[in-house]
Each structure stands twice: as C-alpha cells, then as structure tokens.
C-alpha atoms as a PDB file:
ATOM      1  CA  MET A   1      18.369 -14.164  73.659  1.00  0.00           C
ATOM      2  CA  ALA A   2      17.588 -16.051  70.167  1.00  0.00           C
ATOM      3  CA  PHE A   3      14.370 -17.262  68.596  1.00  0.00           C
ATOM      4  CA  ASN A   4      13.660 -19.538  65.580  1.00  0.00           C
ATOM      5  CA  ALA A   5      10.402 -17.862  65.079  1.00  0.00           C
ATOM      6  CA  LEU A   6       8.529 -14.635  65.911  1.00  0.00           C
ATOM      7  CA  SER A   7       4.826 -14.132  65.583  1.00  0.00           C
ATOM      8  CA  GLY A   8       2.906 -10.859  65.604  1.00  0.00           C
ATOM      9  CA  THR A   9       4.569  -7.451  64.936  1.00  0.00           C
ATOM     10  CA  LEU A  10       8.132  -6.772  65.548  1.00  0.00           C
ATOM     11  CA  GLY A  11       9.205  -3.004  66.129  1.00  0.00           C
ATOM     12  CA  LEU A  12      12.828  -1.964  66.104  1.00  0.00           C
ATOM     13  CA  ASP A  13      14.086   1.564  66.875  1.00  0.00           C
ATOM     14  CA  GLY A  14      17.562   0.571  65.299  1.00  0.00           C
ATOM     15  CA  GLN A  15      18.943  -2.155  62.851  1.00  0.00           C
ATOM     16  CA  LEU A  16      17.966  -5.913  62.615  1.00  0.00           C
ATOM     17  CA  LEU A  17      21.250  -7.733  61.673  1.00  0.00           C
ATOM     18  CA  SER A  18      21.004 -11.341  60.459  1.00  0.00           C
ATOM     19  CA  GLU A  19      23.578 -13.784  59.111  1.00  0.00           C
ATOM     20  CA  GLY A  20      20.789 -15.907  57.622  1.00  0.00           C
ATOM     21  CA  GLN A  21      17.477 -15.124  56.068  1.00  0.00           C
ATOM     22  CA  ILE A  22      14.510 -12.869  57.204  1.00  0.00           C
ATOM     23  CA  SER A  23      11.190 -13.864  55.921  1.00  0.00           C
ATOM     24  CA  GLY A  24       7.899 -12.714  56.249  1.00  0.00           C
ATOM     25  CA  SER A  25       4.626 -12.590  54.740  1.00  0.00           C
ATOM     26  CA  ILE A  26       4.437  -8.923  54.618  1.00  0.00           C
ATOM     27  CA  PHE A  27       6.761  -6.274  55.414  1.00  0.00           C
ATOM     28  CA  LEU A  28       5.481  -2.747  56.664  1.00  0.00           C
ATOM     29  CA  GLY A  29       6.576   0.597  55.355  1.00  0.00           C
ATOM     30  CA  ASP A  30       8.017   2.128  52.222  1.00  0.00           C
ATOM     31  CA  GLY A  31      11.170  -0.160  51.935  1.00  0.00           C
ATOM     32  CA  GLN A  32      13.149   3.016  51.031  1.00  0.00           C
ATOM     33  CA  SER A  33      16.192   1.603  52.967  1.00  0.00           C
ATOM     34  CA  LEU A  34      16.033  -1.777  51.549  1.00  0.00           C
ATOM     35  CA  LEU A  35      19.004  -2.734  49.560  1.00  0.00           C
ATOM     36  CA  ASN A  36      19.014  -4.775  46.111  1.00  0.00           C
ATOM     37  CA  VAL A  37      15.237  -4.744  45.737  1.00  0.00           C
ATOM     38  CA  PRO A  38      14.041  -3.868  42.429  1.00  0.00           C
ATOM     39  CA  ARG A  39      11.392  -0.972  42.558  1.00  0.00           C
ATOM     40  CA  ILE A  40       8.775   0.138  40.020  1.00  0.00           C
ATOM     41  CA  THR A  41       9.325   3.915  39.872  1.00  0.00           C
ATOM     42  CA  SER A  42       7.163   4.974  37.077  1.00  0.00           C
ATOM     43  CA  ASN A  43       4.390   2.799  35.754  1.00  0.00           C
ATOM     44  CA  PRO A  44       1.230   5.026  34.668  1.00  0.00           C
ATOM     45  CA  THR A  45      -0.723   2.136  32.951  1.00  0.00           C
ATOM     46  CA  THR A  46      -1.006  -1.328  33.936  1.00  0.00           C
ATOM     47  CA  ASP A  47      -0.110  -2.496  30.304  1.00  0.00           C
ATOM     48  CA  ASN A  48       3.316  -1.141  30.478  1.00  0.00           C
ATOM     49  CA  LEU A  49       6.364  -3.508  29.899  1.00  0.00           C
ATOM     50  CA  LEU A  50       9.076  -2.977  32.547  1.00  0.00           C
ATOM     51  CA  THR A  51      12.929  -2.227  31.600  1.00  0.00           C
ATOM     52  CA  VAL A  52      15.767  -1.738  33.620  1.00  0.00           C
ATOM     53  CA  GLY A  53      16.827   1.943  33.965  1.00  0.00           C
ATOM     54  CA  ALA A  54      19.876   3.545  34.675  1.00  0.00           C
ATOM     55  CA  ASN A  55      19.903   1.736  38.316  1.00  0.00           C
ATOM     56  CA  GLU A  56      19.807  -1.827  37.942  1.00  0.00           C
ATOM     57  CA  ASN A  57      17.852  -1.997  41.177  1.00  0.00           C
ATOM     58  CA  SER A  58      14.940   0.268  39.691  1.00  0.00           C
ATOM     59  CA  LEU A  59      12.420  -1.017  37.095  1.00  0.00           C
ATOM     60  CA  VAL A  60      11.018   2.039  35.141  1.00  0.00           C
ATOM     61  CA  GLY A  61       7.622   1.944  33.419  1.00  0.00           C
ATOM     62  CA  GLU A  62       7.911   2.459  29.532  1.00  0.00           C
ATOM     63  CA  PRO A  63       4.972   4.008  28.204  1.00  0.00           C
ATOM     64  CA  ASN A  64       5.956   3.766  24.466  1.00  0.00           C
ATOM     65  CA  LEU A  65       6.068  -0.002  24.715  1.00  0.00           C
ATOM     66  CA  THR A  66       3.162  -1.931  26.166  1.00  0.00           C
ATOM     67  CA  PHE A  67       1.456  -5.357  26.333  1.00  0.00           C
ATOM     68  CA  ASN A  68      -1.767  -6.104  27.373  1.00  0.00           C
ATOM     69  CA  GLY A  69      -1.622  -9.780  27.180  1.00  0.00           C
ATOM     70  CA  SER A  70      -2.671 -10.163  23.319  1.00  0.00           C
ATOM     71  CA  ARG A  71      -1.279  -6.984  21.716  1.00  0.00           C
ATOM     72  CA  LEU A  72       2.185  -5.893  21.687  1.00  0.00           C
ATOM     73  CA  GLN A  73       2.377  -2.162  20.663  1.00  0.00           C
ATOM     74  CA  LEU A  74       5.439   0.030  20.209  1.00  0.00           C
ATOM     75  CA  THR A  75       5.433   3.886  19.636  1.00  0.00           C
ATOM     76  CA  GLY A  76       8.925   4.559  17.850  1.00  0.00           C
ATOM     77  CA  ASP A  77      11.436   2.645  15.762  1.00  0.00           C
ATOM     78  CA  LEU A  78      11.830  -1.150  15.731  1.00  0.00           C
ATOM     79  CA  THR A  79      15.403  -2.164  15.050  1.00  0.00           C
ATOM     80  CA  ALA A  80      16.454  -5.788  14.759  1.00  0.00           C
ATOM     81  CA  SER A  81      19.778  -7.468  14.081  1.00  0.00           C
ATOM     82  CA  ILE A  82      17.971 -10.339  12.539  1.00  0.00           C
ATOM     83  CA  SER A  83      14.708 -11.067  10.842  1.00  0.00           C
ATOM     84  CA  ILE A  84      11.251 -10.296  12.098  1.00  0.00           C
ATOM     85  CA  SER A  85       8.435 -12.558  11.308  1.00  0.00           C
ATOM     86  CA  ALA A  86       4.811 -12.484  11.369  1.00  0.00           C
ATOM     87  CA  SER A  87       1.858 -14.295   9.911  1.00  0.00           C
ATOM     88  CA  PHE A  88       0.491 -10.905   8.663  1.00  0.00           C
ATOM     89  CA  PHE A  89       1.655  -7.146   8.815  1.00  0.00           C
ATOM     90  CA  GLU A  90      -0.878  -4.352   9.208  1.00  0.00           C
ATOM     91  CA  GLY A  91      -0.650  -1.219   7.419  1.00  0.00           C
ATOM     92  CA  ASP A  92       0.116  -0.099   4.044  1.00  0.00           C
ATOM     93  CA  GLY A  93       3.800  -0.915   4.184  1.00  0.00           C
ATOM     94  CA  ARG A  94       4.848   2.230   2.319  1.00  0.00           C
ATOM     95  CA  ARG A  95       7.949   2.659   4.628  1.00  0.00           C
ATOM     96  CA  LEU A  96       9.011  -0.899   4.381  1.00  0.00           C
ATOM     97  CA  THR A  97      12.587  -0.891   2.739  1.00  0.00           C
ATOM     98  CA  GLY A  98      14.910  -3.619   1.602  1.00  0.00           C
ATOM     99  CA  MET A  99      12.120  -5.729   0.068  1.00  0.00           C
ATOM    100  CA  GLY A 100      13.418  -8.191  -2.448  1.00  0.00           C
ATOM    101  CA  ALA A 101      12.180  -9.692  -5.743  1.00  0.00           C
ATOM    102  CA  GLY A 102       8.725 -10.853  -5.898  1.00  0.00           C
ATOM    103  CA  SER A 103       7.900  -8.726  -2.763  1.00  0.00           C
ATOM    104  CA  GLY A 104       4.776  -6.834  -1.815  1.00  0.00           C
ATOM    105  CA  ILE A 105       2.111  -5.998   0.730  1.00  0.00           C
ATOM    106  CA  PHE A 106      -0.856  -8.114   0.415  1.00  0.00           C
ATOM    107  CA  THR A 107      -4.118  -8.993   2.004  1.00  0.00           C
ATOM    108  CA  THR A 108      -5.689 -12.126   0.736  1.00  0.00           C
ATOM    109  CA  ILE A 109      -9.450 -11.703   0.776  1.00  0.00           C
ATOM    110  CA  ASP A 110     -10.911 -14.870  -0.665  1.00  0.00           C
ATOM    111  CA  GLY A 111      -8.113 -17.214  -1.098  1.00  0.00           C
ATOM    112  CA  SER A 112      -7.805 -16.908  -5.062  1.00  0.00           C
ATOM    113  CA  ASN A 113      -7.239 -12.979  -5.366  1.00  0.00           C
ATOM    114  CA  ALA A 114      -4.496 -11.146  -3.814  1.00  0.00           C
ATOM    115  CA  TYR A 115      -4.877  -7.493  -3.123  1.00  0.00           C
ATOM    116  CA  VAL A 116      -1.970  -5.288  -2.973  1.00  0.00           C
ATOM    117  CA  THR A 117      -2.721  -2.542  -0.499  1.00  0.00           C
ATOM    118  CA  SER A 118       0.620  -0.322  -1.289  1.00  0.00           C
ATOM    119  CA  SER A 119       3.056  -1.197  -3.793  1.00  0.00           C
ATOM    120  CA  LEU A 120       4.476  -4.424  -5.469  1.00  0.00           C
ATOM    121  CA  ASN A 121       7.959  -4.313  -6.493  1.00  0.00           C
ATOM    122  CA  ILE A 122       9.530  -6.881  -8.887  1.00  0.00           C
ATOM    123  CA  GLY A 123      13.407  -6.676  -9.305  1.00  0.00           C
ATOM    124  CA  GLY A 124      16.457  -8.864  -9.357  1.00  0.00           C
ATOM    125  CA  THR A 125      19.569  -9.664 -11.742  1.00  0.00           C
ATOM    126  CA  THR A 126      17.916 -12.384 -13.965  1.00  0.00           C
ATOM    127  CA  SER A 127      14.958 -12.551 -16.149  1.00  0.00           C
ATOM    128  CA  ALA A 128      13.422 -14.986 -13.808  1.00  0.00           C
ATOM    129  CA  ASP A 129      13.106 -12.496 -11.052  1.00  0.00           C
ATOM    130  CA  HIS A 130      11.272 -10.170 -13.160  1.00  0.00           C
ATOM    131  CA  LYS A 131       8.641 -12.462 -13.947  1.00  0.00           C
ATOM    132  CA  LEU A 132       5.052 -11.641 -12.730  1.00  0.00           C
ATOM    133  CA  VAL A 133       2.363 -14.351 -13.356  1.00  0.00           C
ATOM    134  CA  VAL A 134      -1.272 -13.390 -13.521  1.00  0.00           C
ATOM    135  CA  SER A 135      -3.770 -16.453 -13.821  1.00  0.00           C
ATOM    136  CA  GLY A 136      -6.773 -14.257 -12.867  1.00  0.00           C
ATOM    137  CA  SER A 137      -7.584 -10.577 -12.917  1.00  0.00           C
ATOM    138  CA  VAL A 138      -5.555  -7.519 -12.204  1.00  0.00           C
ATOM    139  CA  SER A 139      -7.485  -4.282 -10.897  1.00  0.00           C
ATOM    140  CA  SER A 140      -6.400  -1.246  -9.297  1.00  0.00           C
ATOM    141  CA  SER A 141      -8.072   2.174  -8.023  1.00  0.00           C
ATOM    142  CA  VAL A 142      -4.781   3.757  -8.818  1.00  0.00           C
ATOM    143  CA  ASN A 143      -2.022   3.890 -11.302  1.00  0.00           C
ATOM    144  CA  VAL A 144      -0.321   0.493 -12.051  1.00  0.00           C
ATOM    145  CA  SER A 145       3.199   0.994 -13.389  1.00  0.00           C
ATOM    146  CA  ALA A 146       6.137  -1.240 -14.310  1.00  0.00           C
ATOM    147  CA  SER A 147       9.705  -0.951 -15.890  1.00  0.00           C
ATOM    148  CA  ALA A 148       9.750  -4.779 -16.266  1.00  0.00           C
ATOM    149  CA  PHE A 149       8.221  -7.901 -15.767  1.00  0.00           C
ATOM    150  CA  TYR A 150       9.651 -10.648 -17.807  1.00  0.00           C
ATOM    151  CA  GLY A 151      12.302  -9.841 -20.597  1.00  0.00           C
ATOM    152  CA  ASN A 152      10.888  -6.476 -20.538  1.00  0.00           C
ATOM    153  CA  ALA A 153       7.308  -7.554 -21.551  1.00  0.00           C
ATOM    154  CA  MET A 154       4.261  -7.947 -19.373  1.00  0.00           C
ATOM    155  CA  VAL A 155       2.838 -11.458 -19.822  1.00  0.00           C
ATOM    156  CA  LEU A 156      -0.401 -12.307 -19.203  1.00  0.00           C
ATOM    157  CA  ALA A 157      -1.792 -15.936 -18.603  1.00  0.00           C
ATOM    158  CA  GLY A 158      -5.426 -14.804 -19.340  1.00  0.00           C
ATOM    159  CA  GLY A 159      -7.521 -12.460 -21.004  1.00  0.00           C
ATOM    160  CA  LEU A 160      -7.390  -8.571 -21.077  1.00  0.00           C
ATOM    161  CA  SER A 161     -10.065  -6.231 -20.621  1.00  0.00           C
ATOM    162  CA  LEU A 162      -9.771  -2.654 -21.392  1.00  0.00           C
ATOM    163  CA  ASN A 163     -11.999   0.397 -20.283  1.00  0.00           C
ATOM    164  CA  ARG A 164     -15.026   0.927 -22.773  1.00  0.00           C
ATOM    165  CA  ARG A 165     -17.138   4.193 -22.734  1.00  0.00           C
ATOM    166  CA  SER A 166     -20.194   4.268 -25.013  1.00  0.00           C
ATOM    167  CA  VAL A 167     -21.265   8.102 -26.138  1.00  0.00           C
ATOM    168  CA  SER A 168     -24.201   9.474 -28.365  1.00  0.00           C
ATOM    169  CA  THR A 169     -23.334  13.081 -27.882  1.00  0.00           C
ATOM    170  CA  HIS A 170     -20.299  15.282 -28.389  1.00  0.00           C
ATOM    171  CA  MET A 171     -17.604  14.281 -25.589  1.00  0.00           C
ATOM    172  CA  THR A 172     -14.078  14.887 -24.399  1.00  0.00           C
ATOM    173  CA  ALA A 173     -12.022  11.907 -23.824  1.00  0.00           C
ATOM    174  CA  SER A 174     -10.450  11.302 -20.485  1.00  0.00           C
ATOM    175  CA  LYS A 175      -7.260   9.624 -19.090  1.00  0.00           C
ATOM    176  CA  THR A 176      -9.381   6.562 -18.216  1.00  0.00           C
ATOM    177  CA  ASP A 177     -10.832   5.840 -21.533  1.00  0.00           C
ATOM    178  CA  TYR A 178      -9.826   3.325 -23.939  1.00  0.00           C
ATOM    179  CA  TYR A 179     -12.393   2.259 -26.176  1.00  0.00           C
ATOM    180  CA  ILE A 180     -14.952   4.827 -26.936  1.00  0.00           C
ATOM    181  CA  GLY A 181     -18.089   3.262 -28.804  1.00  0.00           C
ATOM    182  CA  VAL A 182     -20.126   5.851 -30.674  1.00  0.00           C
ATOM    183  CA  ASP A 183     -23.782   5.794 -31.216  1.00  0.00           C
ATOM    184  CA  SER A 184     -24.556   8.431 -34.029  1.00  0.00           C
ATOM    185  CA  THR A 185     -27.929   7.135 -34.857  1.00  0.00           C
ATOM    186  CA  SER A 186     -29.724  10.278 -33.979  1.00  0.00           C
ATOM    187  CA  THR A 187     -26.911  13.072 -34.639  1.00  0.00           C
ATOM    188  CA  ALA A 188     -23.222  13.548 -35.582  1.00  0.00           C
ATOM    189  CA  VAL A 189     -20.963  13.169 -32.705  1.00  0.00           C
ATOM    190  CA  GLU A 190     -17.594  14.829 -32.341  1.00  0.00           C
ATOM    191  CA  VAL A 191     -14.926  13.447 -29.900  1.00  0.00           C
ATOM    192  CA  ASN A 192     -12.455  15.741 -28.405  1.00  0.00           C
ATOM    193  CA  LEU A 193      -8.942  14.561 -27.468  1.00  0.00           C
ATOM    194  CA  PRO A 194      -7.435  16.027 -24.271  1.00  0.00           C
ATOM    195  CA  ASP A 195      -4.195  17.887 -24.190  1.00  0.00           C
ATOM    196  CA  ALA A 196      -1.802  15.397 -25.311  1.00  0.00           C
ATOM    197  CA  ALA A 197       0.574  16.870 -22.596  1.00  0.00           C
ATOM    198  CA  THR A 198      -1.653  15.755 -19.925  1.00  0.00           C
ATOM    199  CA  LEU A 199      -1.363  12.191 -21.043  1.00  0.00           C
ATOM    200  CA  ALA A 200       1.070   9.457 -20.551  1.00  0.00           C
ATOM    201  CA  LEU A 201       3.542   8.861 -23.585  1.00  0.00           C
ATOM    202  CA  GLY A 202       1.911   6.257 -25.733  1.00  0.00           C
ATOM    203  CA  GLN A 203      -1.624   6.313 -24.129  1.00  0.00           C
ATOM    204  CA  THR A 204      -3.896   5.027 -26.813  1.00  0.00           C
ATOM    205  CA  TYR A 205      -7.645   5.567 -27.740  1.00  0.00           C
ATOM    206  CA  VAL A 206      -9.665   3.364 -30.089  1.00  0.00           C
ATOM    207  CA  ILE A 207     -12.779   5.090 -31.512  1.00  0.00           C
ATOM    208  CA  LYS A 208     -15.495   2.956 -33.290  1.00  0.00           C
ATOM    209  CA  ASP A 209     -18.619   3.515 -34.949  1.00  0.00           C
ATOM    210  CA  GLU A 210     -20.784   0.733 -33.035  1.00  0.00           C
ATOM    211  CA  THR A 211     -23.970   1.454 -34.778  1.00  0.00           C
ATOM    212  CA  GLY A 212     -22.905   1.928 -38.324  1.00  0.00           C
ATOM    213  CA  ASN A 213     -24.440   5.282 -38.917  1.00  0.00           C
ATOM    214  CA  ALA A 214     -21.316   7.205 -39.535  1.00  0.00           C
ATOM    215  CA  ASP A 215     -22.175   7.624 -42.997  1.00  0.00           C
ATOM    216  CA  SER A 216     -25.180   9.695 -42.372  1.00  0.00           C
ATOM    217  CA  ASN A 217     -24.113  11.067 -39.159  1.00  0.00           C
ATOM    218  CA  ASN A 218     -20.252  11.367 -39.182  1.00  0.00           C
ATOM    219  CA  ILE A 219     -17.951  10.977 -36.202  1.00  0.00           C
ATOM    220  CA  THR A 220     -15.398  13.873 -36.005  1.00  0.00           C
ATOM    221  CA  ILE A 221     -12.224  13.296 -33.813  1.00  0.00           C
ATOM    222  CA  SER A 222     -10.718  16.409 -32.961  1.00  0.00           C
ATOM    223  CA  ALA A 223      -7.220  17.199 -31.308  1.00  0.00           C
ATOM    224  CA  SER A 224      -6.773  19.880 -28.652  1.00  0.00           C
ATOM    225  CA  GLY A 225      -6.161  23.334 -29.840  1.00  0.00           C
ATOM    226  CA  ALA A 226      -3.573  23.484 -32.508  1.00  0.00           C
ATOM    227  CA  GLN A 227      -2.359  19.978 -31.987  1.00  0.00           C
ATOM    228  CA  THR A 228      -2.605  17.297 -34.734  1.00  0.00           C
ATOM    229  CA  ILE A 229      -3.527  13.832 -35.696  1.00  0.00           C
ATOM    230  CA  ASP A 230      -1.147  12.517 -38.172  1.00  0.00           C
ATOM    231  CA  GLY A 231      -0.674  16.114 -39.289  1.00  0.00           C
ATOM    232  CA  GLN A 232      -4.397  17.301 -39.378  1.00  0.00           C
ATOM    233  CA  ASN A 233      -6.326  18.949 -36.441  1.00  0.00           C
ATOM    234  CA  SER A 234      -9.282  16.403 -36.847  1.00  0.00           C
ATOM    235  CA  ILE A 235     -10.039  13.180 -38.502  1.00  0.00           C
ATOM    236  CA  ILE A 236     -13.657  12.200 -39.616  1.00  0.00           C
ATOM    237  CA  LEU A 237     -15.420   8.662 -39.849  1.00  0.00           C
ATOM    238  CA  MET A 238     -17.714   8.456 -42.402  1.00  0.00           C
ATOM    239  CA  SER A 239     -18.204   4.893 -43.205  1.00  0.00           C
ATOM    240  CA  PRO A 240     -20.474   2.472 -41.528  1.00  0.00           C
ATOM    241  CA  TYR A 241     -18.778   0.908 -38.797  1.00  0.00           C
ATOM    242  CA  ALA A 242     -15.563   2.814 -39.099  1.00  0.00           C
ATOM    243  CA  ALA A 243     -12.927   2.811 -36.534  1.00  0.00           C
ATOM    244  CA  ILE A 244      -9.697   4.453 -35.693  1.00  0.00           C
ATOM    245  CA  SER A 245      -6.763   3.899 -33.128  1.00  0.00           C
ATOM    246  CA  ILE A 246      -4.490   6.552 -32.225  1.00  0.00           C
ATOM    247  CA  TYR A 247      -1.842   7.158 -29.507  1.00  0.00           C
ATOM    248  CA  CYS A 248      -0.255  10.323 -28.389  1.00  0.00           C
ATOM    249  CA  ASP A 249       3.457  11.529 -27.839  1.00  0.00           C
ATOM    250  CA  GLY A 250       2.670  13.059 -24.317  1.00  0.00           C
ATOM    251  CA  ALA A 251       3.391  16.383 -25.530  1.00  0.00           C
ATOM    252  CA  THR A 252       1.640  17.915 -28.769  1.00  0.00           C
ATOM    253  CA  LYS A 253       0.922  15.180 -31.288  1.00  0.00           C
ATOM    254  CA  TYR A 254      -1.246  12.138 -31.895  1.00  0.00           C
ATOM    255  CA  PHE A 255      -0.763   9.239 -34.356  1.00  0.00           C
ATOM    256  CA  ILE A 256      -3.048   6.702 -36.141  1.00  0.00           C
ATOM    257  CA  TYR A 257      -1.672   3.411 -36.243  1.00  0.00           C
END
C-alpha cells in the first residue's frame, strides 16, 4: 500500500524507511535518533553566537562570544591574520602593540581638539616621522614626556603657557611650579626649593619680585638642606623687580642661568 500524502498523526513501533523525502510541519519527540541534524547542546543565553563543536552535527553555545543584534562582545583574546578596522576603539588602549609612527589613542571632543586617553607614540626612521605639529593647545593631567619630536626638538606652531604661582608668604616650591611670582609688599618672603633629587634633571624655576618691594622686604631663595645654588645655600633678591632663573641637576644642586 502506498500513499502520496498522509494527514493526522502517524505512529510507528519500528523504523520508517523512504527513498525520497519525508516532510512535516512538525516532528514530535526529542529527535535523539535523527542523523545529520545540527543540535544546540548548550546555549545559556539568547545572545550567544553558535560555534561548531567537536561533533560537526552539534552546535555549541559559546558564552565568551555574544551578539545581541547591535553589540559584539568577546571575553578573551582576539587574533587576526589581517587588519582589524573600526570607526573607533573604546578603552584606554594601554595594551595595543605595534602602533606605527604618529599613532595614538584619541577621543575627539569638539572637532578641533584631540584628547589622548592613554599614550601618544611617535617613532620611525626619518626626521619626518618624528614630527609633532601642534596648532592649538596641549594639556595633560599626567606627565608628558618625549625623546624626540622633530630633529630632537619640540616645535610649537603657537604660544607656550607655563604654570604661574603667586605667593606673599613663606612657601616651598613644588614639582608643578614654574613661574613663582612673589608679593613682598607686607613682609619678607622665603621661597624654599624642594630636594633636587625629587625633581627631573633640568627642571626649572623662575622666581620674580612682581610688586617691586624686594629692596625693603627681601626675597630669599633657599636650597634644601645642604644643597646649593651656584655653590651657595641661599640667594637673596634685594632689588625692585629682581628675578632669578634656576635649574637643577636632579641630584644635589641648582644653577643660575
């Protein structure tokens, strides 16, 4: 007996063999004995991407790689034999390696200022590779250092603004000071220099009588402990609007220039 179509439910106690196709809108049961049918054996979240496991007929949910329709998230390492491109990369980029000349991690806020969120590396084999051009301002909440910019010199296409601190009483200079403007109108003022060993080699201070009263109320600049300024432990400004520029050796001495 042969039929081209069956309706209703077909129940068999044994096997069903066919030389053609068997189709149905639904198959009941767990399908354990169906062959060559991909199965999902582990899929704890609906966002999981499916990868083929050791069994080519079994699909395994991978919890470390998910995609929810808009965001692809990977927990672990990403390796590519060719380039990876994106309109932007999130994070501070501290573990990115192999960055070429002029590379860095930027977040552009207003279209004119570029903010480096981790580090800016400038390198290469020619002088052109070492060129950093600044047409606006450069600011940082952390240290900024460089071994070369252009011909071993830093070139700015604009003005340079250095930190200024105004004082009218005894004080100790800090690592962040550059210009120290002194007002000695009411009393003499002493400026104590920090231990030169705590500063970078060549760090500079400019100390200025800004009110013109150093003749009546002297301004004394004192080195730390037994350290010296051009061989002396202290220097005194005693002329109206006098100024002194000094730098340190990063160890035990300061020098006037």
